Amino acid sequence: MGENCQKKKRENNAYHIRKSVRDMVVYTIQNVIEDPPFSKLDLISCRNLLIYLGRDGQMFRNSWP
């Protein structure tokens, strides 16, 4: 069985992420302008995030390494 299959299980004609994987996830609010960045992090965010920041936020974000 491949690694991908070990992380999910089929139940009631749907696939679910196993609890052992879900328990590793931290859900929190992160202000990308004011809060310091997390380290060792995978981030999922809105693809159009920059359009909601306004000009100052866009300029600040563009200064990140």
Protein backbone atom coordinates (compact mmCIF):
# COMPACT_ATOMS: atom_id res chain seq x y z
CA MET A 1 0.00 0.00 0.00
CA GLY A 2 1.40 3.41 -0.97
CA GLU A 3 2.16 6.16 1.50
CA ASN A 4 -0.83 8.20 0.27
CA CYS A 5 -3.23 5.32 0.94
CA GLN A 6 -1.98 4.94 4.51
CA LYS A 7 -3.00 8.53 5.31
CA LYS A 8 -6.63 8.15 4.29
CA LYS A 9 -9.36 5.56 4.68
CA ARG A 10 -12.52 4.87 2.76
CA GLU A 11 -15.75 5.01 4.72
CA ASN A 12 -19.32 5.29 3.43
CA ASN A 13 -18.17 5.85 -0.18
CA ALA A 14 -15.96 8.78 0.87
CA TYR A 15 -12.31 9.15 1.78
CA HIS A 16 -11.35 10.58 5.15
CA ILE A 17 -7.96 11.62 6.49
CA ARG A 18 -6.96 9.30 9.32
CA LYS A 19 -7.26 10.69 12.85
CA SER A 20 -3.53 10.24 13.45
CA VAL A 21 -2.85 12.68 10.59
CA ARG A 22 -5.64 15.12 11.57
CA ASP A 23 -4.24 15.28 15.11
CA MET A 24 -0.99 16.76 13.73
CA VAL A 25 -2.83 19.77 12.26
CA VAL A 26 -2.96 23.08 14.13
CA TYR A 27 -5.73 25.47 13.16
CA THR A 28 -5.11 29.06 14.13
CA ILE A 29 -5.57 32.61 12.93
CA GLN A 30 -2.44 34.21 11.45
CA ASN A 31 -2.30 37.88 10.55
CA VAL A 32 0.21 37.84 7.69
CA ILE A 33 0.94 41.56 8.15
CA GLU A 34 1.40 41.86 11.92
CA ASP A 35 2.20 38.39 13.32
CA PRO A 36 5.68 36.89 13.11
CA PRO A 37 5.87 34.00 10.64
CA PHE A 38 5.62 30.42 11.83
CA SER A 39 8.60 28.19 11.15
CA LYS A 40 8.49 24.69 9.65
CA LEU A 41 5.04 25.29 8.28
CA ASP A 42 2.99 24.36 5.26
CA LEU A 43 0.44 27.06 4.50
CA ILE A 44 -2.80 26.90 2.62
CA SER A 45 -4.25 30.33 1.87
CA CYS A 46 -6.49 32.14 -0.52
CA ARG A 47 -4.81 32.46 -3.90
CA ASN A 48 -6.00 36.07 -4.13
CA LEU A 49 -4.87 37.09 -0.65
CA LEU A 50 -2.88 40.11 -1.81
CA ILE A 51 -5.91 41.83 -3.36
CA TYR A 52 -7.51 42.00 0.10
CA LEU A 53 -4.47 43.49 1.85
CA GLY A 54 -4.56 46.94 0.28
CA ARG A 55 -1.54 48.75 -1.14
CA ASP A 56 0.40 49.01 2.16
CA GLY A 57 -0.03 45.31 2.85
CA GLN A 58 1.02 44.38 -0.66
CA MET A 59 4.18 46.49 -0.39
CA PHE A 60 5.00 44.96 3.01
CA ARG A 61 4.45 41.43 1.68
CA ASN A 62 6.70 42.10 -1.32
CA SER A 63 9.55 42.99 1.05
CA TRP A 64 9.62 39.45 2.55
CA PRO A 65 12.59 37.26 1.59
